[in-house]
Amino acid sequence: MSQSKIRFYLDENMDPKISEQLRRRGLDALSARDVGLLNVADGVQLRFAAAHGRVLCSKDSDFADPANWVVKHDGIAYFPDRSVSIGYAINALLELYRKETAENLKNSLRYL
């Protein structure tokens, strides 16, 4: 049985260049800018990611607290260092993609 691949959604706190670079490497990645979800509430971001089967990627510390998870989701990749470089974020998400499956990330939080 094949495992489903991780699909990423980067909220507005993540540079959209990250999703562009992930796509260039063959991954399925969208940014909030790509889908017109700039300046919306955290719950809207998480609901979008969940509705589309995507791991939410964020630097927003609100997502590190499960009490703020308004829906079951496909995973949260959280970057606690708000000044993380684009290169670091790309490499961390590529590593997550290589090491995990979509099933393993469901309703979980990964600190990157």
C-alpha atoms as a PDB file:
ATOM      1  CA  MET A   1       0.000   0.000   0.000  1.00  0.00           C
ATOM      2  CA  SER A   2       1.435   3.390  -0.912  1.00  0.00           C
ATOM      3  CA  GLN A   3       1.501   6.193   1.616  1.00  0.00           C
ATOM      4  CA  SER A   4       0.016   9.513   0.613  1.00  0.00           C
ATOM      5  CA  LYS A   5       2.391  12.402   0.137  1.00  0.00           C
ATOM      6  CA  ILE A   6       2.420  15.471   2.297  1.00  0.00           C
ATOM      7  CA  ARG A   7       0.865  18.598   0.821  1.00  0.00           C
ATOM      8  CA  PHE A   8       1.822  21.947   2.360  1.00  0.00           C
ATOM      9  CA  TYR A   9      -0.044  25.175   3.009  1.00  0.00           C
ATOM     10  CA  LEU A  10       2.015  28.158   4.206  1.00  0.00           C
ATOM     11  CA  ASP A  11       0.070  30.785   6.109  1.00  0.00           C
ATOM     12  CA  GLU A  12       0.687  34.498   5.723  1.00  0.00           C
ATOM     13  CA  ASN A  13       3.520  34.419   8.294  1.00  0.00           C
ATOM     14  CA  MET A  14       5.634  32.328   5.929  1.00  0.00           C
ATOM     15  CA  ASP A  15       7.388  33.869   2.938  1.00  0.00           C
ATOM     16  CA  PRO A  16       5.611  32.762  -0.275  1.00  0.00           C
ATOM     17  CA  LYS A  17       9.028  32.215  -1.856  1.00  0.00           C
ATOM     18  CA  ILE A  18       9.182  29.050   0.267  1.00  0.00           C
ATOM     19  CA  SER A  19       6.152  27.534  -1.442  1.00  0.00           C
ATOM     20  CA  GLU A  20       7.542  28.569  -4.836  1.00  0.00           C
ATOM     21  CA  GLN A  21      10.821  26.783  -4.116  1.00  0.00           C
ATOM     22  CA  LEU A  22       9.051  23.681  -2.812  1.00  0.00           C
ATOM     23  CA  ARG A  23       7.002  23.507  -6.009  1.00  0.00           C
ATOM     24  CA  ARG A  24      10.208  23.807  -8.069  1.00  0.00           C
ATOM     25  CA  ARG A  25      11.389  20.700  -6.227  1.00  0.00           C
ATOM     26  CA  GLY A  26       8.228  18.820  -7.160  1.00  0.00           C
ATOM     27  CA  LEU A  27       6.264  19.197  -3.919  1.00  0.00           C
ATOM     28  CA  ASP A  28       2.651  20.281  -3.628  1.00  0.00           C
ATOM     29  CA  ALA A  29       2.788  23.601  -1.763  1.00  0.00           C
ATOM     30  CA  LEU A  30       0.535  26.649  -1.621  1.00  0.00           C
ATOM     31  CA  SER A  31       0.881  29.929   0.192  1.00  0.00           C
ATOM     32  CA  ALA A  32      -1.813  32.139   1.688  1.00  0.00           C
ATOM     33  CA  ARG A  33      -1.018  34.620  -1.078  1.00  0.00           C
ATOM     34  CA  ASP A  34      -1.631  31.950  -3.737  1.00  0.00           C
ATOM     35  CA  VAL A  35      -5.174  31.340  -2.470  1.00  0.00           C
ATOM     36  CA  GLY A  36      -6.071  34.894  -1.408  1.00  0.00           C
ATOM     37  CA  LEU A  37      -6.074  34.284   2.347  1.00  0.00           C
ATOM     38  CA  LEU A  38      -4.012  37.213   3.565  1.00  0.00           C
ATOM     39  CA  ASN A  39      -5.109  39.025   6.732  1.00  0.00           C
ATOM     40  CA  VAL A  40      -7.597  36.376   7.837  1.00  0.00           C
ATOM     41  CA  ALA A  41      -8.009  34.791  11.274  1.00  0.00           C
ATOM     42  CA  ASP A  42      -5.914  31.825  12.370  1.00  0.00           C
ATOM     43  CA  GLY A  43      -8.996  29.616  12.399  1.00  0.00           C
ATOM     44  CA  VAL A  44      -9.625  30.393   8.739  1.00  0.00           C
ATOM     45  CA  GLN A  45      -6.038  29.435   7.898  1.00  0.00           C
ATOM     46  CA  LEU A  46      -6.327  26.113   9.727  1.00  0.00           C
ATOM     47  CA  ARG A  47      -9.759  25.335   8.291  1.00  0.00           C
ATOM     48  CA  PHE A  48      -8.464  25.969   4.768  1.00  0.00           C
ATOM     49  CA  ALA A  49      -5.478  23.670   5.283  1.00  0.00           C
ATOM     50  CA  ALA A  50      -7.688  20.962   6.799  1.00  0.00           C
ATOM     51  CA  ALA A  51     -10.353  21.220   4.091  1.00  0.00           C
ATOM     52  CA  HIS A  52      -7.696  20.750   1.416  1.00  0.00           C
ATOM     53  CA  GLY A  53      -5.690  17.994   3.117  1.00  0.00           C
ATOM     54  CA  ARG A  54      -2.636  20.157   3.704  1.00  0.00           C
ATOM     55  CA  VAL A  55      -0.124  20.506   6.511  1.00  0.00           C
ATOM     56  CA  LEU A  56      -0.285  24.065   7.833  1.00  0.00           C
ATOM     57  CA  CYS A  57       3.159  25.704   8.017  1.00  0.00           C
ATOM     58  CA  SER A  58       3.424  28.729  10.286  1.00  0.00           C
ATOM     59  CA  LYS A  59       5.562  30.880  12.542  1.00  0.00           C
ATOM     60  CA  ASP A  60       2.437  31.868  14.504  1.00  0.00           C
ATOM     61  CA  SER A  61       2.811  30.665  18.103  1.00  0.00           C
ATOM     62  CA  ASP A  62      -0.968  30.337  18.450  1.00  0.00           C
ATOM     63  CA  PHE A  63      -0.738  27.138  16.403  1.00  0.00           C
ATOM     64  CA  ALA A  64       1.684  25.601  18.931  1.00  0.00           C
ATOM     65  CA  ASP A  65      -1.187  25.379  21.441  1.00  0.00           C
ATOM     66  CA  PRO A  66      -3.655  22.541  20.731  1.00  0.00           C
ATOM     67  CA  ALA A  67      -6.367  24.558  22.494  1.00  0.00           C
ATOM     68  CA  ASN A  68      -6.354  26.807  19.414  1.00  0.00           C
ATOM     69  CA  TRP A  69      -6.943  23.989  16.939  1.00  0.00           C
ATOM     70  CA  VAL A  70     -10.496  24.668  15.797  1.00  0.00           C
ATOM     71  CA  VAL A  71     -10.745  21.563  13.596  1.00  0.00           C
ATOM     72  CA  LYS A  72      -9.099  18.196  13.070  1.00  0.00           C
ATOM     73  CA  HIS A  73      -6.271  18.841  10.657  1.00  0.00           C
ATOM     74  CA  ASP A  74      -3.574  17.259   8.539  1.00  0.00           C
ATOM     75  CA  GLY A  75      -0.729  18.487  10.712  1.00  0.00           C
ATOM     76  CA  ILE A  76       1.007  21.677  11.721  1.00  0.00           C
ATOM     77  CA  ALA A  77       4.646  22.433  10.960  1.00  0.00           C
ATOM     78  CA  TYR A  78       5.583  25.171  13.408  1.00  0.00           C
ATOM     79  CA  PHE A  79       8.681  27.359  13.177  1.00  0.00           C
ATOM     80  CA  PRO A  80       9.236  28.886  16.640  1.00  0.00           C
ATOM     81  CA  ASP A  81      12.012  31.157  15.358  1.00  0.00           C
ATOM     82  CA  ARG A  82      10.127  33.954  13.612  1.00  0.00           C
ATOM     83  CA  SER A  83      13.349  35.092  11.912  1.00  0.00           C
ATOM     84  CA  VAL A  84      14.044  31.699  10.321  1.00  0.00           C
ATOM     85  CA  SER A  85      15.606  32.036   6.874  1.00  0.00           C
ATOM     86  CA  ILE A  86      13.882  30.989   3.679  1.00  0.00           C
ATOM     87  CA  GLY A  87      16.625  28.423   3.066  1.00  0.00           C
ATOM     88  CA  TYR A  88      16.219  26.889   6.513  1.00  0.00           C
ATOM     89  CA  ALA A  89      12.445  26.656   6.109  1.00  0.00           C
ATOM     90  CA  ILE A  90      12.759  25.005   2.697  1.00  0.00           C
ATOM     91  CA  ASN A  91      15.274  22.462   3.984  1.00  0.00           C
ATOM     92  CA  ALA A  92      13.209  21.716   7.104  1.00  0.00           C
ATOM     93  CA  LEU A  93      10.055  21.114   5.063  1.00  0.00           C
ATOM     94  CA  LEU A  94      11.939  18.975   2.533  1.00  0.00           C
ATOM     95  CA  GLU A  95      13.270  16.881   5.418  1.00  0.00           C
ATOM     96  CA  LEU A  96       9.774  16.550   6.897  1.00  0.00           C
ATOM     97  CA  TYR A  97       8.492  15.475   3.486  1.00  0.00           C
ATOM     98  CA  ARG A  98      11.198  12.823   3.162  1.00  0.00           C
ATOM     99  CA  LYS A  99      10.812  11.414   6.679  1.00  0.00           C
ATOM    100  CA  GLU A 100       7.052  11.527   7.319  1.00  0.00           C
ATOM    101  CA  THR A 101       3.833  10.459   5.681  1.00  0.00           C
ATOM    102  CA  ALA A 102       0.632  12.435   5.531  1.00  0.00           C
ATOM    103  CA  GLU A 103      -1.030   9.838   7.761  1.00  0.00           C
ATOM    104  CA  ASN A 104       1.588  10.269  10.502  1.00  0.00           C
ATOM    105  CA  LEU A 105       1.108  14.028  10.607  1.00  0.00           C
ATOM    106  CA  LYS A 106      -2.672  14.079  11.058  1.00  0.00           C
ATOM    107  CA  ASN A 107      -3.667  16.170  14.101  1.00  0.00           C
ATOM    108  CA  SER A 108      -0.049  16.512  15.178  1.00  0.00           C
ATOM    109  CA  LEU A 109       2.396  19.342  15.709  1.00  0.00           C
ATOM    110  CA  ARG A 110       6.004  19.310  14.506  1.00  0.00           C
ATOM    111  CA  TYR A 111       8.486  21.913  15.723  1.00  0.00           C
ATOM    112  CA  LEU A 112      10.898  22.793  12.950  1.00  0.00           C
END
